[in-house]
Amino acid sequence: FQFVAGGNAEAGFVAYSQVKESHNVGSCWIVPQEMYSPLEQQAVLLQRARDNPAARDLLSFLKTRGVQKIIEGHGYQLPQIAARN
């Protein structure tokens, strides 16, 4: 993205979240979702961190509607969050 935004590359294949808020983009094409498989990212609480309050709080924070709205606002789709004990 840095090269495209800085004018050092004529074109680039970058994440929509990077282009979405950029004011110096000439044009963009959003790849239709049926043309690719989603890249899923996950957050997990490891068993050894189960007793760490900060780790539990971070995972809980990521599940809040406020954080989910921020993620969606950057152009990402949210998966179903599975609670595992």
C-alpha atoms as a PDB file:
ATOM      1  CA  PHE A   1       0.000   0.000   0.000  1.00  0.00           C
ATOM      2  CA  GLN A   2       2.841   2.353   0.820  1.00  0.00           C
ATOM      3  CA  PHE A   3       4.166   2.177  -2.748  1.00  0.00           C
ATOM      4  CA  VAL A   4       0.759   2.724  -4.337  1.00  0.00           C
ATOM      5  CA  ALA A   5      -0.231   5.554  -1.979  1.00  0.00           C
ATOM      6  CA  GLY A   6       3.139   7.233  -2.437  1.00  0.00           C
ATOM      7  CA  GLY A   7       2.954   7.059  -6.225  1.00  0.00           C
ATOM      8  CA  ASN A   8       5.927   4.707  -6.535  1.00  0.00           C
ATOM      9  CA  ALA A   9       3.744   1.988  -8.088  1.00  0.00           C
ATOM     10  CA  GLU A  10       1.093   2.536 -10.738  1.00  0.00           C
ATOM     11  CA  ALA A  11      -1.149  -0.175  -9.310  1.00  0.00           C
ATOM     12  CA  GLY A  12      -1.265  -2.566  -6.427  1.00  0.00           C
ATOM     13  CA  PHE A  13      -3.262  -5.370  -4.877  1.00  0.00           C
ATOM     14  CA  VAL A  14      -3.920  -4.186  -1.341  1.00  0.00           C
ATOM     15  CA  ALA A  15      -6.438  -4.741   1.431  1.00  0.00           C
ATOM     16  CA  TYR A  16      -9.679  -2.818   1.121  1.00  0.00           C
ATOM     17  CA  SER A  17      -9.242  -1.627   4.710  1.00  0.00           C
ATOM     18  CA  GLN A  18      -6.134   0.295   3.594  1.00  0.00           C
ATOM     19  CA  VAL A  19      -7.810   1.911   0.592  1.00  0.00           C
ATOM     20  CA  LYS A  20     -11.157   2.638   2.251  1.00  0.00           C
ATOM     21  CA  GLU A  21      -9.970   5.677   4.189  1.00  0.00           C
ATOM     22  CA  SER A  22      -7.287   6.828   1.760  1.00  0.00           C
ATOM     23  CA  HIS A  23      -7.944  10.164   0.078  1.00  0.00           C
ATOM     24  CA  ASN A  24      -5.292   9.842  -2.614  1.00  0.00           C
ATOM     25  CA  VAL A  25      -6.639   6.754  -4.390  1.00  0.00           C
ATOM     26  CA  GLY A  26      -7.405   7.213  -8.063  1.00  0.00           C
ATOM     27  CA  SER A  27      -9.603   4.170  -8.462  1.00  0.00           C
ATOM     28  CA  CYS A  28     -10.145   0.749  -6.987  1.00  0.00           C
ATOM     29  CA  TRP A  29     -11.885  -2.502  -7.812  1.00  0.00           C
ATOM     30  CA  ILE A  30     -13.311  -4.653  -5.062  1.00  0.00           C
ATOM     31  CA  VAL A  31     -12.782  -8.313  -5.888  1.00  0.00           C
ATOM     32  CA  PRO A  32     -16.159 -10.093  -5.766  1.00  0.00           C
ATOM     33  CA  GLN A  33     -16.261 -12.515  -2.855  1.00  0.00           C
ATOM     34  CA  GLU A  34     -17.251 -15.429  -5.073  1.00  0.00           C
ATOM     35  CA  MET A  35     -13.816 -15.144  -6.736  1.00  0.00           C
ATOM     36  CA  TYR A  36     -11.842 -16.083  -3.614  1.00  0.00           C
ATOM     37  CA  SER A  37     -12.004 -18.027  -0.387  1.00  0.00           C
ATOM     38  CA  PRO A  38     -12.182 -15.890   2.748  1.00  0.00           C
ATOM     39  CA  LEU A  39      -9.029 -15.459   4.809  1.00  0.00           C
ATOM     40  CA  GLU A  40     -10.143 -16.262   8.318  1.00  0.00           C
ATOM     41  CA  GLN A  41      -8.327 -14.810  11.291  1.00  0.00           C
ATOM     42  CA  GLN A  42      -8.931 -16.037  14.784  1.00  0.00           C
ATOM     43  CA  ALA A  43      -8.231 -15.134  18.366  1.00  0.00           C
ATOM     44  CA  VAL A  44      -7.870 -17.929  20.867  1.00  0.00           C
ATOM     45  CA  LEU A  45      -7.251 -18.148  24.566  1.00  0.00           C
ATOM     46  CA  LEU A  46      -4.512 -20.697  25.129  1.00  0.00           C
ATOM     47  CA  GLN A  47      -4.942 -23.079  28.030  1.00  0.00           C
ATOM     48  CA  ARG A  48      -1.812 -21.756  29.750  1.00  0.00           C
ATOM     49  CA  ALA A  49      -3.264 -18.222  29.596  1.00  0.00           C
ATOM     50  CA  ARG A  50      -6.660 -19.246  30.939  1.00  0.00           C
ATOM     51  CA  ASP A  51      -5.756 -17.916  34.398  1.00  0.00           C
ATOM     52  CA  ASN A  52      -4.415 -14.615  33.045  1.00  0.00           C
ATOM     53  CA  PRO A  53      -7.075 -11.918  33.602  1.00  0.00           C
ATOM     54  CA  ALA A  54      -5.567  -9.635  30.938  1.00  0.00           C
ATOM     55  CA  ALA A  55      -5.747 -12.390  28.316  1.00  0.00           C
ATOM     56  CA  ARG A  56      -9.373 -13.172  29.192  1.00  0.00           C
ATOM     57  CA  ASP A  57     -10.253  -9.469  29.185  1.00  0.00           C
ATOM     58  CA  LEU A  58      -8.681  -8.970  25.752  1.00  0.00           C
ATOM     59  CA  LEU A  59     -10.644 -11.854  24.274  1.00  0.00           C
ATOM     60  CA  SER A  60     -13.851 -10.549  25.847  1.00  0.00           C
ATOM     61  CA  PHE A  61     -13.086  -7.059  24.536  1.00  0.00           C
ATOM     62  CA  LEU A  62     -12.669  -8.378  20.987  1.00  0.00           C
ATOM     63  CA  LYS A  63     -16.164  -9.888  21.213  1.00  0.00           C
ATOM     64  CA  THR A  64     -17.883  -6.618  22.186  1.00  0.00           C
ATOM     65  CA  ARG A  65     -20.240  -4.967  19.714  1.00  0.00           C
ATOM     66  CA  GLY A  66     -18.157  -1.778  19.772  1.00  0.00           C
ATOM     67  CA  VAL A  67     -15.036  -3.570  18.569  1.00  0.00           C
ATOM     68  CA  GLN A  68     -17.055  -5.570  16.055  1.00  0.00           C
ATOM     69  CA  LYS A  69     -18.425  -2.329  14.599  1.00  0.00           C
ATOM     70  CA  ILE A  70     -14.866  -0.988  14.232  1.00  0.00           C
ATOM     71  CA  ILE A  71     -13.783  -4.162  12.433  1.00  0.00           C
ATOM     72  CA  GLU A  72     -16.800  -4.002  10.105  1.00  0.00           C
ATOM     73  CA  GLY A  73     -16.173  -0.298   9.550  1.00  0.00           C
ATOM     74  CA  HIS A  74     -12.769  -1.165   8.120  1.00  0.00           C
ATOM     75  CA  GLY A  75     -14.367  -3.401   5.513  1.00  0.00           C
ATOM     76  CA  TYR A  76     -14.046  -6.784   7.189  1.00  0.00           C
ATOM     77  CA  GLN A  77     -16.814  -9.319   7.615  1.00  0.00           C
ATOM     78  CA  LEU A  78     -17.221 -10.900  11.019  1.00  0.00           C
ATOM     79  CA  PRO A  79     -17.330 -14.657  11.459  1.00  0.00           C
ATOM     80  CA  GLN A  80     -19.491 -16.329  14.018  1.00  0.00           C
ATOM     81  CA  ILE A  81     -17.494 -16.197  17.243  1.00  0.00           C
ATOM     82  CA  ALA A  82     -17.463 -19.567  18.912  1.00  0.00           C
ATOM     83  CA  ALA A  83     -17.103 -19.698  22.659  1.00  0.00           C
ATOM     84  CA  ARG A  84     -14.933 -22.622  23.662  1.00  0.00           C
ATOM     85  CA  ASN A  85     -14.143 -23.592  27.218  1.00  0.00           C
END
